[in-house]
Protein backbone atom coordinates (compact mmCIF):
# COMPACT_ATOMS: atom_id res chain seq x y z
CA MET A 1 3.41 -7.31 -23.17
CA THR A 2 6.39 -5.29 -22.03
CA GLU A 3 9.61 -7.21 -21.53
CA ALA A 4 11.96 -6.45 -18.65
CA ALA A 5 15.46 -6.02 -20.01
CA PHE A 6 18.45 -7.59 -18.27
CA PRO A 7 21.51 -5.34 -18.23
CA GLU A 8 24.38 -6.49 -20.39
CA GLY A 9 26.49 -9.02 -18.55
CA SER A 10 23.75 -10.01 -16.11
CA SER A 11 23.40 -13.71 -15.39
CA SER A 12 19.82 -13.36 -14.17
CA GLN A 13 17.30 -15.14 -16.37
CA PRO A 14 13.65 -16.05 -15.84
CA ALA A 15 13.16 -19.55 -14.48
CA VAL A 16 10.32 -20.12 -16.94
CA ASP A 17 8.97 -18.35 -20.00
CA ILE A 18 6.95 -15.97 -17.84
CA GLY A 19 5.86 -13.71 -20.65
CA ASP A 20 4.05 -16.44 -22.53
CA VAL A 21 2.39 -17.87 -19.43
CA MET A 22 1.21 -14.54 -18.08
CA GLN A 23 0.10 -13.11 -21.40
CA LYS A 24 -1.93 -16.19 -22.33
CA LEU A 25 -3.62 -16.17 -18.94
CA ALA A 26 -4.24 -12.44 -19.20
CA GLU A 27 -5.80 -12.83 -22.64
CA HIS A 28 -7.86 -15.76 -21.42
CA LYS A 29 -9.17 -13.73 -18.48
CA GLY A 30 -9.55 -10.44 -20.31
CA CYS A 31 -7.01 -8.59 -18.17
CA GLY A 32 -4.04 -6.85 -19.69
CA THR A 33 -0.69 -7.21 -17.99
CA GLU A 34 2.16 -4.78 -17.87
CA GLY A 35 5.58 -5.77 -16.68
CA GLY A 36 8.72 -7.64 -17.45
CA SER A 37 9.73 -11.22 -17.41
CA GLY A 38 11.54 -12.03 -14.21
CA LYS A 39 10.65 -10.56 -10.82
CA ALA A 40 10.86 -12.11 -7.38
CA SER A 41 9.99 -12.26 -3.72
CA CYS A 42 11.69 -10.78 -0.70
CA GLY A 43 13.05 -14.25 -0.01
CA SER A 44 13.19 -17.72 -1.42
CA SER A 45 10.13 -19.91 -1.70
CA ALA A 46 10.94 -21.15 1.80
CA GLY A 47 10.67 -17.62 3.13
CA PRO A 48 13.06 -15.17 4.80
CA ALA A 49 15.46 -16.51 7.41
CA ASP A 50 13.97 -14.29 10.13
CA MET A 51 10.38 -15.44 9.61
CA ALA A 52 8.74 -18.72 10.63
CA PRO A 53 7.59 -20.77 7.59
CA GLU A 54 3.95 -20.72 8.70
CA ILE A 55 4.02 -16.90 8.93
CA TRP A 56 5.72 -16.60 5.55
CA GLU A 57 2.96 -18.70 3.98
CA LYS A 58 0.39 -16.22 5.29
CA VAL A 59 2.12 -13.07 4.07
CA LYS A 60 4.15 -13.97 0.98
CA ASN A 61 1.39 -13.03 -1.48
CA HIS A 62 -0.48 -10.55 0.71
CA PRO A 63 0.05 -7.06 -0.75
CA CYS A 64 -0.71 -5.28 2.53
CA TYR A 65 1.40 -7.47 4.81
CA SER A 66 4.40 -7.82 2.46
CA GLU A 67 6.03 -4.78 0.87
CA GLU A 68 7.61 -6.89 -1.86
CA ALA A 69 4.35 -8.70 -2.63
CA HIS A 70 2.50 -5.45 -3.23
CA HIS A 71 4.41 -4.93 -6.48
CA HIS A 72 2.87 -8.13 -7.86
CA TYR A 73 -0.37 -9.07 -6.08
CA ALA A 74 -3.72 -7.30 -5.92
CA ARG A 75 -6.40 -6.92 -3.28
CA MET A 76 -10.02 -5.92 -3.22
CA HIS A 77 -12.38 -4.51 -0.62
CA VAL A 78 -16.13 -5.05 -0.55
CA ALA A 79 -18.30 -2.35 1.01
CA VAL A 80 -20.78 -4.42 3.01
CA ALA A 81 -20.40 -2.68 6.39
CA PRO A 82 -22.04 0.78 6.41
CA ALA A 83 -22.54 1.36 10.14
CA CYS A 84 -19.81 2.58 12.49
CA ASN A 85 -19.61 2.56 16.29
CA ILE A 86 -17.14 5.44 16.75
CA GLN A 87 -16.52 8.88 15.29
CA CYS A 88 -13.01 9.95 14.30
CA ASN A 89 -12.08 13.57 13.70
CA TYR A 90 -10.29 12.60 10.47
CA CYS A 91 -13.18 10.64 8.93
CA ASN A 92 -16.15 11.62 6.79
CA ARG A 93 -17.85 8.54 5.37
CA LYS A 94 -20.52 10.53 3.51
CA TYR A 95 -18.03 11.65 0.88
CA ASP A 96 -18.29 9.84 -2.46
CA CYS A 97 -16.08 10.57 -5.44
CA ALA A 98 -14.82 8.07 -8.00
CA ASN A 99 -11.49 9.90 -8.13
CA GLU A 100 -10.84 10.07 -4.38
CA SER A 101 -8.76 7.59 -2.40
CA ARG A 102 -9.42 7.73 1.32
CA PRO A 103 -10.60 5.17 3.88
CA GLY A 104 -14.38 5.12 4.14
CA VAL A 105 -15.04 6.41 0.62
CA VAL A 106 -17.20 4.17 -1.58
CA SER A 107 -19.30 4.51 -4.70
CA GLU A 108 -21.87 1.86 -3.82
CA ARG A 109 -22.71 -0.48 -0.96
CA LEU A 110 -23.17 -4.20 -1.44
CA THR A 111 -25.14 -7.04 0.07
CA PRO A 112 -23.17 -10.18 1.01
CA GLU A 113 -24.57 -11.92 -2.08
CA GLN A 114 -23.51 -9.07 -4.36
CA ALA A 115 -20.10 -9.02 -2.70
CA SER A 116 -19.62 -12.74 -3.33
CA LYS A 117 -20.46 -12.34 -7.02
CA LYS A 118 -18.13 -9.35 -7.26
CA VAL A 119 -15.24 -11.29 -5.71
CA LEU A 120 -15.67 -14.09 -8.25
CA ALA A 121 -15.81 -11.59 -11.11
CA VAL A 122 -12.67 -9.78 -9.97
CA ALA A 123 -10.73 -12.95 -9.17
CA SER A 124 -11.55 -14.37 -12.59
CA THR A 125 -10.44 -11.18 -14.34
CA ILE A 126 -7.44 -10.35 -12.13
CA PRO A 127 -5.78 -13.70 -11.34
CA GLN A 128 -3.16 -12.03 -9.14
CA MET A 129 -5.91 -10.86 -6.77
CA THR A 130 -5.18 -12.89 -3.65
CA VAL A 131 -6.85 -10.98 -0.81
CA LEU A 132 -10.42 -9.99 0.03
CA GLY A 133 -10.85 -7.42 2.78
CA ILE A 134 -13.81 -5.79 4.48
CA ALA A 135 -12.88 -2.31 5.66
CA GLY A 136 -16.09 -0.32 5.63
CA PRO A 137 -17.36 2.12 4.77
CA GLY A 138 -18.11 1.81 8.49
CA ASP A 139 -16.65 -0.83 10.79
CA PRO A 140 -16.98 -4.53 9.85
CA LEU A 141 -17.56 -5.56 13.47
CA ALA A 142 -20.31 -2.98 13.89
CA ASN A 143 -22.02 -4.93 11.05
CA PRO A 144 -21.18 -8.50 12.14
CA GLN A 145 -24.00 -10.33 10.36
CA LYS A 146 -23.20 -8.80 6.97
CA THR A 147 -19.46 -9.19 7.48
CA PHE A 148 -19.44 -12.85 8.46
CA GLU A 149 -22.10 -13.84 5.94
CA THR A 150 -19.87 -12.31 3.26
CA PHE A 151 -16.88 -14.30 4.53
CA ARG A 152 -18.97 -17.49 4.60
CA LEU A 153 -20.13 -17.11 1.02
CA ILE A 154 -16.67 -16.28 -0.32
CA SER A 155 -14.93 -19.11 1.54
CA GLU A 156 -17.36 -21.54 -0.11
CA VAL A 157 -16.88 -20.37 -3.70
CA ALA A 158 -13.25 -19.14 -3.63
CA PRO A 159 -11.37 -20.91 -0.82
CA ASP A 160 -7.97 -19.88 -2.21
CA ILE A 161 -8.56 -16.20 -1.45
CA LYS A 162 -7.24 -14.84 1.85
CA LEU A 163 -9.81 -13.14 4.08
CA CYS A 164 -9.07 -9.93 6.00
CA LEU A 165 -10.88 -7.28 7.94
CA SER A 166 -9.98 -3.85 9.24
CA THR A 167 -11.54 -2.58 12.46
CA ASN A 168 -11.34 0.22 14.99
CA GLY A 169 -11.19 -2.50 17.64
CA LEU A 170 -14.06 -1.41 19.87
CA ALA A 171 -16.09 -4.58 19.22
CA LEU A 172 -13.10 -6.81 18.45
CA PRO A 173 -12.99 -8.84 21.70
CA ASP A 174 -16.61 -9.89 21.16
CA TRP A 175 -15.91 -11.35 17.71
CA VAL A 176 -12.42 -12.88 17.86
CA ASP A 177 -13.76 -16.43 18.00
CA GLU A 178 -15.99 -15.80 14.99
CA ILE A 179 -13.02 -14.33 13.14
CA ALA A 180 -11.05 -17.50 13.85
CA LYS A 181 -14.01 -19.68 12.84
CA TYR A 182 -14.02 -18.24 9.32
CA LYS A 183 -10.22 -18.51 9.04
CA VAL A 184 -9.75 -14.76 8.77
CA ASP A 185 -6.03 -14.82 9.52
CA HIS A 186 -5.21 -11.14 8.90
CA VAL A 187 -6.83 -8.40 11.00
CA THR A 188 -5.95 -4.71 10.95
CA ILE A 189 -6.71 -2.55 14.00
CA THR A 190 -6.52 1.23 13.86
CA ILE A 191 -4.84 2.31 17.11
CA ASN A 192 -4.00 6.00 17.32
CA MET A 193 -3.32 6.24 21.05
CA ILE A 194 -2.98 4.30 24.29
CA ASP A 195 -3.54 7.37 26.47
CA PRO A 196 -7.15 8.61 26.78
CA GLU A 197 -5.88 12.15 27.42
CA ILE A 198 -4.64 12.12 23.83
CA GLY A 199 -7.47 9.98 22.49
CA GLN A 200 -10.17 12.44 23.51
CA HIS A 201 -8.77 14.88 20.93
CA ILE A 202 -9.11 12.28 18.16
CA TYR A 203 -12.45 10.60 18.98
CA PRO A 204 -15.53 12.74 19.85
CA TRP A 205 -17.56 9.67 20.82
CA VAL A 206 -17.88 5.90 20.80
CA PHE A 207 -21.07 3.82 20.97
CA TRP A 208 -20.60 0.97 23.43
CA GLU A 209 -23.10 -1.18 25.34
CA ASN A 210 -26.00 0.85 23.94
CA LYS A 211 -24.56 4.12 25.22
CA ARG A 212 -22.79 7.00 23.52
CA LEU A 213 -19.66 7.81 25.51
CA GLN A 214 -17.73 11.01 24.97
CA GLY A 215 -14.35 12.55 25.68
CA TYR A 216 -11.92 10.87 28.07
CA GLU A 217 -14.35 8.08 28.98
CA ALA A 218 -14.86 7.18 25.32
CA ALA A 219 -11.14 7.09 24.60
CA LYS A 220 -10.47 5.00 27.74
CA ILE A 221 -12.96 2.30 26.75
CA LEU A 222 -11.68 2.31 23.17
CA THR A 223 -8.00 1.80 24.02
CA GLU A 224 -8.79 -0.91 26.58
CA ARG A 225 -10.87 -2.83 24.05
CA GLN A 226 -8.31 -2.38 21.26
CA LEU A 227 -5.41 -3.75 23.30
CA LEU A 228 -7.52 -6.63 24.66
CA GLY A 229 -8.60 -7.54 21.14
CA LEU A 230 -4.99 -7.49 19.94
CA GLU A 231 -3.95 -9.84 22.74
CA MET A 232 -6.80 -12.23 21.87
CA LEU A 233 -5.81 -12.28 18.19
CA THR A 234 -2.21 -13.06 19.12
CA GLU A 235 -3.32 -15.94 21.36
CA ARG A 236 -5.16 -17.49 18.40
CA GLY A 237 -2.30 -17.08 15.92
CA ILE A 238 -4.11 -14.45 13.84
CA LEU A 239 -1.74 -11.90 12.32
CA ALA A 240 -2.47 -8.34 13.40
CA LYS A 241 -1.43 -5.19 11.59
CA ILE A 242 -1.76 -1.90 13.44
CA ASN A 243 -2.72 1.24 11.55
CA SER A 244 -1.92 4.58 13.19
CA VAL A 245 -2.71 8.01 11.77
CA MET A 246 0.09 10.52 12.42
CA ILE A 247 -1.50 13.79 13.58
CA PRO A 248 1.15 16.48 14.17
CA GLY A 249 0.81 18.17 17.54
CA ILE A 250 -1.66 15.58 18.84
CA ASN A 251 -0.24 12.05 18.70
CA ASP A 252 2.95 12.26 16.65
CA LYS A 253 5.32 11.90 19.63
CA HIS A 254 2.95 9.50 21.38
CA LEU A 255 2.97 7.00 18.51
CA VAL A 256 6.40 5.80 19.67
CA GLU A 257 4.68 4.56 22.84
CA VAL A 258 1.85 3.06 20.80
CA ASN A 259 4.47 1.20 18.77
CA LYS A 260 6.02 -0.31 21.91
CA ALA A 261 2.63 -1.27 23.32
CA VAL A 262 1.41 -3.11 20.24
CA LYS A 263 4.76 -4.81 19.70
CA SER A 264 4.68 -6.19 23.25
CA ARG A 265 1.22 -7.61 22.59
CA GLY A 266 2.26 -9.50 19.46
CA ALA A 267 1.40 -7.20 16.56
CA PHE A 268 3.07 -8.34 13.35
CA LEU A 269 3.25 -5.03 11.50
CA HIS A 270 2.85 -1.32 12.26
CA ASN A 271 1.59 1.06 9.60
CA ILE A 272 2.03 4.74 10.48
CA MET A 273 0.06 6.79 7.95
CA PRO A 274 -0.12 10.54 7.31
CA LEU A 275 -3.24 12.41 8.31
CA ILE A 276 -5.40 13.30 5.30
CA SER A 277 -7.02 16.58 6.29
CA ALA A 278 -7.92 18.68 3.27
CA PRO A 279 -10.82 21.07 4.07
CA GLU A 280 -12.87 19.82 1.11
CA HIS A 281 -13.14 16.38 2.73
CA GLY A 282 -15.41 17.84 5.40
CA THR A 283 -13.71 16.26 8.43
CA VAL A 284 -13.31 17.99 11.79
CA PHE A 285 -9.54 18.11 11.39
CA GLY A 286 -9.81 19.32 7.81
CA LEU A 287 -12.23 22.11 8.62
CA ASN A 288 -10.22 23.17 11.68
CA GLY A 289 -6.99 23.46 9.72
CA GLN A 290 -5.16 20.55 11.36
CA ARG A 291 -2.15 19.90 9.14
CA GLY A 292 -0.79 16.55 8.11
CA PRO A 293 2.90 15.62 8.44
CA THR A 294 5.55 16.43 5.87
CA ALA A 295 7.30 13.57 4.12
CA GLN A 296 10.40 14.09 6.28
CA GLU A 297 8.37 14.07 9.51
CA LEU A 298 6.58 10.87 8.52
CA LYS A 299 9.76 9.05 7.55
CA ALA A 300 11.56 10.15 10.73
CA LEU A 301 8.79 8.69 12.89
CA GLN A 302 8.68 5.47 10.87
CA ASP A 303 12.46 5.15 11.16
CA GLU A 304 12.31 5.71 14.93
CA CYS A 305 9.72 2.96 15.37
CA GLU A 306 11.30 0.51 12.94
CA GLY A 307 13.87 -0.71 15.45
CA ASP A 308 11.13 -2.19 17.60
CA MET A 309 9.02 -3.95 14.94
CA ASN A 310 8.27 -4.31 11.23
CA MET A 311 7.02 -1.11 9.64
CA MET A 312 4.64 -0.91 6.69
CA ARG A 313 5.56 1.94 4.35
CA HIS A 314 3.59 1.02 1.23
CA CYS A 315 0.04 1.71 2.46
CA ARG A 316 -2.15 3.66 0.02
CA GLN A 317 -4.92 4.45 2.54
CA CYS A 318 -7.37 2.66 0.26
CA ARG A 319 -11.02 3.27 -0.40
CA ALA A 320 -13.47 0.82 1.16
CA ASP A 321 -14.27 -0.50 -2.34
CA ALA A 322 -10.75 -0.56 -3.84
CA VAL A 323 -9.88 -3.15 -6.49
CA GLY A 324 -6.47 -3.93 -8.01
CA LEU A 325 -2.83 -3.44 -7.18
CA LEU A 326 -2.06 -0.98 -4.39
CA GLY A 327 -1.90 2.42 -6.02
CA GLU A 328 -4.45 1.62 -8.71
CA ASP A 329 -8.21 1.35 -8.59
CA ARG A 330 -10.19 -0.75 -11.03
CA SER A 331 -13.46 -0.67 -9.10
CA ALA A 332 -15.21 1.15 -11.97
CA GLU A 333 -14.84 -2.04 -14.03
CA PHE A 334 -16.84 -4.00 -11.45
CA THR A 335 -19.91 -1.96 -10.58
CA THR A 336 -22.97 -3.87 -9.43
CA ASP A 337 -24.81 -3.55 -12.74
CA LYS A 338 -21.76 -4.88 -14.62
CA ILE A 339 -21.03 -7.85 -12.36
CA MET A 340 -24.65 -8.94 -12.18
CA ALA A 341 -24.65 -9.18 -15.98
CA MET A 342 -21.45 -11.25 -16.06
CA ASP A 343 -21.38 -14.99 -16.61
CA VAL A 344 -18.49 -15.76 -14.26
CA GLU A 345 -16.53 -18.99 -14.52
CA TYR A 346 -14.07 -19.27 -11.63
CA ASP A 347 -10.87 -20.89 -12.90
CA ALA A 348 -8.91 -21.90 -9.80
CA GLU A 349 -6.26 -23.74 -11.82
CA GLY A 350 -5.70 -20.78 -14.12
CA ARG A 351 -5.25 -18.51 -11.11
CA LYS A 352 -2.77 -20.95 -9.60
CA ALA A 353 -0.71 -21.09 -12.80
CA TYR A 354 -0.66 -17.31 -13.07
CA GLN A 355 0.52 -16.91 -9.49
CA GLN A 356 3.24 -19.53 -9.98
CA ALA A 357 4.50 -17.44 -12.89
CA VAL A 358 4.52 -14.38 -10.65
CA GLU A 359 6.63 -16.23 -8.08
CA SER A 360 9.21 -17.08 -10.73
CA GLU A 361 9.32 -13.42 -11.70
CA ARG A 362 9.83 -12.40 -8.10
CA GLN A 363 12.77 -14.76 -7.68
CA ALA A 364 14.50 -13.37 -10.77
CA LYS A 365 14.09 -9.86 -9.38
CA VAL A 366 15.82 -10.80 -6.13
CA GLU A 367 18.71 -12.36 -8.01
CA ALA A 368 19.08 -9.25 -10.15
CA LYS A 369 19.20 -6.99 -7.09
CA GLN A 370 21.72 -9.21 -5.31
CA SER A 371 24.07 -8.93 -8.28
CA GLU A 372 24.41 -5.18 -7.70
CA LEU A 373 25.09 -5.16 -3.94
CA ASP A 374 28.85 -5.55 -4.39
CA GLY A 375 30.74 -2.27 -4.44
CA LEU A 376 28.35 -0.32 -2.21
CA GLU A 377 30.97 0.03 0.52
CA LYS A 378 31.96 3.32 -1.13
CA ALA A 379 28.67 4.77 0.09
CA GLY A 380 29.89 5.11 3.66
CA ASP A 381 27.22 7.09 5.50
CA THR A 382 25.73 8.49 2.29
CA LYS A 383 21.98 8.00 1.96
CA LEU A 384 19.65 9.50 -0.60
CA LEU A 385 16.14 9.11 -1.94
CA VAL A 386 15.01 8.47 -5.51
CA ALA A 387 11.51 8.47 -6.97
CA VAL A 388 10.28 5.83 -9.42
CA ALA A 389 7.41 5.93 -11.91
CA THR A 390 5.99 2.42 -12.14
CA LYS A 391 2.76 0.64 -12.99
CA GLY A 392 3.82 -2.23 -10.75
CA HIS A 393 5.56 -5.58 -11.11
CA GLY A 394 8.80 -4.14 -9.75
CA ILE A 395 9.97 -2.46 -12.96
CA ILE A 396 10.35 1.09 -14.28
CA ASN A 397 7.46 1.11 -16.73
CA GLU A 398 5.60 4.43 -16.42
CA HIS A 399 5.91 7.66 -18.41
CA PHE A 400 6.66 10.66 -16.18
CA GLY A 401 3.59 12.53 -17.37
CA HIS A 402 1.26 9.60 -16.77
CA ALA A 403 2.37 8.83 -13.21
CA LYS A 404 -0.31 9.14 -10.53
CA GLU A 405 2.20 8.34 -7.83
CA PHE A 406 5.93 7.84 -7.40
CA GLN A 407 7.44 5.08 -5.31
CA ILE A 408 10.28 6.27 -3.08
CA TYR A 409 13.46 4.25 -2.45
CA GLU A 410 16.29 5.00 -0.05
CA LEU A 411 19.72 4.12 -1.44
CA SER A 412 22.62 3.48 0.93
CA GLY A 413 25.50 1.12 1.56
CA LYS A 414 22.91 -1.47 2.61
CA GLY A 415 21.18 -1.43 -0.77
CA ALA A 416 17.84 -0.14 -2.06
CA LYS A 417 14.98 0.09 0.42
CA PHE A 418 11.37 0.99 -0.35
CA VAL A 419 10.35 3.74 2.08
CA GLY A 420 7.06 5.09 0.75
CA HIS A 421 5.14 6.63 -2.10
CA ARG A 422 3.93 10.07 -3.12
CA ARG A 423 0.63 10.70 -4.85
CA VAL A 424 0.63 13.40 -7.49
CA ASP A 425 -1.79 14.99 -9.92
CA LEU A 426 -1.36 13.90 -13.52
CA TYR A 427 1.12 16.12 -15.37
CA CYS A 428 -0.02 15.08 -18.87
CA GLN A 429 -3.74 15.50 -19.50
CA GLY A 430 -5.09 15.23 -23.01
CA GLY A 431 -1.56 15.02 -24.40
CA TYR A 432 -0.40 18.33 -22.93
CA GLY A 433 1.65 19.08 -19.84
CA GLU A 434 0.13 21.23 -17.11
CA GLU A 435 2.69 23.54 -15.47
CA ASP A 436 0.69 23.83 -12.25
CA ALA A 437 0.58 20.04 -12.00
CA LEU A 438 4.33 19.86 -12.64
CA ASP A 439 4.93 22.20 -9.72
CA THR A 440 3.00 19.85 -7.41
CA VAL A 441 5.00 16.87 -8.69
CA ILE A 442 8.30 18.61 -7.99
CA THR A 443 7.06 19.57 -4.52
CA ALA A 444 6.05 15.96 -3.83
CA ILE A 445 9.49 14.54 -4.72
CA ASN A 446 11.59 17.52 -3.66
CA ASP A 447 13.58 15.37 -1.21
CA CYS A 448 14.71 13.03 -4.02
CA HIS A 449 18.00 13.26 -5.91
CA ALA A 450 16.61 11.55 -9.01
CA VAL A 451 13.40 10.31 -10.61
CA PHE A 452 13.40 7.09 -12.66
CA VAL A 453 10.92 6.96 -15.55
CA SER A 454 10.37 4.97 -18.72
CA LYS A 455 10.04 8.17 -20.74
CA ILE A 456 9.94 11.94 -20.15
CA GLY A 457 9.47 15.02 -22.31
CA GLY A 458 11.99 17.81 -22.75
CA CYS A 459 10.12 20.51 -20.81
CA PRO A 460 9.57 18.58 -17.56
CA LYS A 461 13.11 17.21 -17.83
CA ALA A 462 14.51 20.74 -17.88
CA ASP A 463 12.34 21.84 -14.96
CA LEU A 464 13.40 18.83 -12.88
CA ILE A 465 17.07 19.51 -13.54
CA GLU A 466 16.57 23.13 -12.54
CA ALA A 467 14.98 21.90 -9.29
CA GLY A 468 18.01 19.69 -8.62
CA ILE A 469 16.28 16.40 -9.43
CA GLU A 470 17.98 14.23 -12.06
CA PRO A 471 15.55 12.65 -14.57
CA VAL A 472 16.72 9.10 -15.33
CA ASP A 473 15.20 7.33 -18.33
CA GLN A 474 17.94 4.93 -19.44
CA TYR A 475 16.57 2.05 -17.34
CA ALA A 476 13.13 1.82 -18.95
CA HIS A 477 11.44 -1.56 -18.36
CA GLU A 478 14.21 -2.82 -16.09
CA PHE A 479 14.04 -3.87 -12.44
CA ILE A 480 13.65 -0.94 -10.05
CA GLU A 481 16.08 -1.92 -7.30
CA GLN A 482 18.78 -3.27 -9.60
CA SER A 483 18.61 -0.13 -11.78
CA ALA A 484 18.65 2.19 -8.78
CA LEU A 485 21.75 0.50 -7.39
CA VAL A 486 23.56 0.71 -10.75
CA TRP A 487 22.76 4.44 -10.85
CA PHE A 488 23.77 4.88 -7.19
CA LYS A 489 27.19 3.30 -7.72
CA ASP A 490 27.75 5.61 -10.68
CA TYR A 491 26.67 8.56 -8.51
CA LEU A 492 29.13 7.54 -5.78
CA ALA A 493 31.92 7.22 -8.36
CA LYS A 494 31.23 10.76 -9.60
CA VAL A 495 31.32 12.05 -6.03
CA GLU A 496 34.62 10.26 -5.40
CA ALA A 497 36.09 11.68 -8.62
CA GLY A 498 35.03 15.20 -7.67
CA GLU A 499 32.68 15.53 -10.64
CA ILE A 500 29.73 16.28 -8.36
CA VAL A 501 29.24 17.17 -4.70
CA HIS A 502 26.74 15.21 -2.64
CA VAL A 503 24.29 17.48 -0.83
CA ASP A 504 21.23 16.63 1.21
CA ARG A 505 17.88 17.53 -0.31
CA GLY A 506 15.09 19.43 1.45
CA ASP A 507 11.72 18.19 2.66
CA ALA A 508 8.73 17.25 0.51
CA ALA A 509 4.98 17.70 0.82
CA ILE A 510 2.62 14.76 1.18
CA ARG A 511 -0.09 15.46 -1.38
CA GLN A 512 -3.58 15.78 0.08
CA GLY A 513 -6.45 14.44 -1.99
CA ALA A 514 -4.54 13.67 -5.18
CA LEU A 515 -6.60 12.09 -7.92
CA LEU A 516 -6.30 8.41 -8.69
CA SER A 517 -7.30 8.97 -12.28
CA GLN A 518 -8.25 11.80 -14.56
CA ALA A 519 -11.79 12.93 -13.91
CA SER A 520 -14.16 12.27 -16.75
């Protein structure tokens, strides 16, 4: 197990011997762990001051509803809902590739009984898996019998796991009471417009009341049903996250109005995602050449909407059968033939002990970050982005050449703020660096002043420096935010001394269709 180092002079220490607890549990469950001892939550165990305790209890270990939690807790999706009641111009559910990460993509569909067995197998192997979601490959509420039977089975055998679903919202008002009945207290609705004039360019048709509606009429029914469903969820105390796909030239300006509309109806979180529109995906937008947003365009829109409500910036636009931490996919370990052969013993107490250890780690991480906030007044209006190679757990623990994504942090006088991630193709494959892949990596993090890694070779280091991106490897296996702030204060000191001149970086490309893992 990798240990997280505390910088010399730091007073932060783990509250318990996390390494021993987590490693023993990992060995017992057959799951390796990577990470340091001592990481923490975005607030104390009582929760942040600006959040009601009952809300904090719902989100504190939910990787999709809490940015900080996603560094430590895992989720899984079960693909029990094949049918869909609308068509989106950015969706092609027929596509199946083990290396692709897009909503609607799956490798196999499950029955509710198979899904229940799979959840037990995953939860027993990955004790930090806290959330089970149904997100497709179609729409869960277009497959209500399969969806709610799955929830019923799982709530009986694993009551500690949070239940979620993700829907387009067309059928949502019809099923809100059933959602509440099964204690599904997190629902995601994809809302891309509140104006049918715009919606008709996103949705060719919807199937409602046994009729296929098209164009303006289809979009009008859809937005009315979505907003009604959101209001009904709010009335019942069910947390709602809104997903919106940013489509330049179609709804990018309009999403500010969507943000205001969902906020006024009680949405908890708004997730504005980039359009994925590569031609090889076979979608209408992809084949018609509709571009996705640049990194700068996406961040600008998220920043504009953030003043009105909480923004989610850590979404990975997951597959409908994803398993593991956000940004990783372990679904290949839990195929139907493998899980049906497993003799699963669900250890609720072992899971509880593991998660208690995680909470102690999270608290130590917060304390470490707080220790570096002093002295940031020198930043003034200076803001910059840095990229981080990490396997999770809130530490810098990934080799540059092995990174499949980089987490992006904004550093300013207010501290270190997670603002997104960038998928990349693997630079090192088979032990050798690929120059074409390196070019795509540099393009993906071109707006960053530095990249933090646990290790990096001489050739990519030289190319990064030439591109104006500083490779930083002296904080290997240390906390991300604390390390970034130490580096930032040193950067500010160099600027003040005239050793370097601060300049703004350019824009970066959001990678379309990057691989999650090396193809076999």
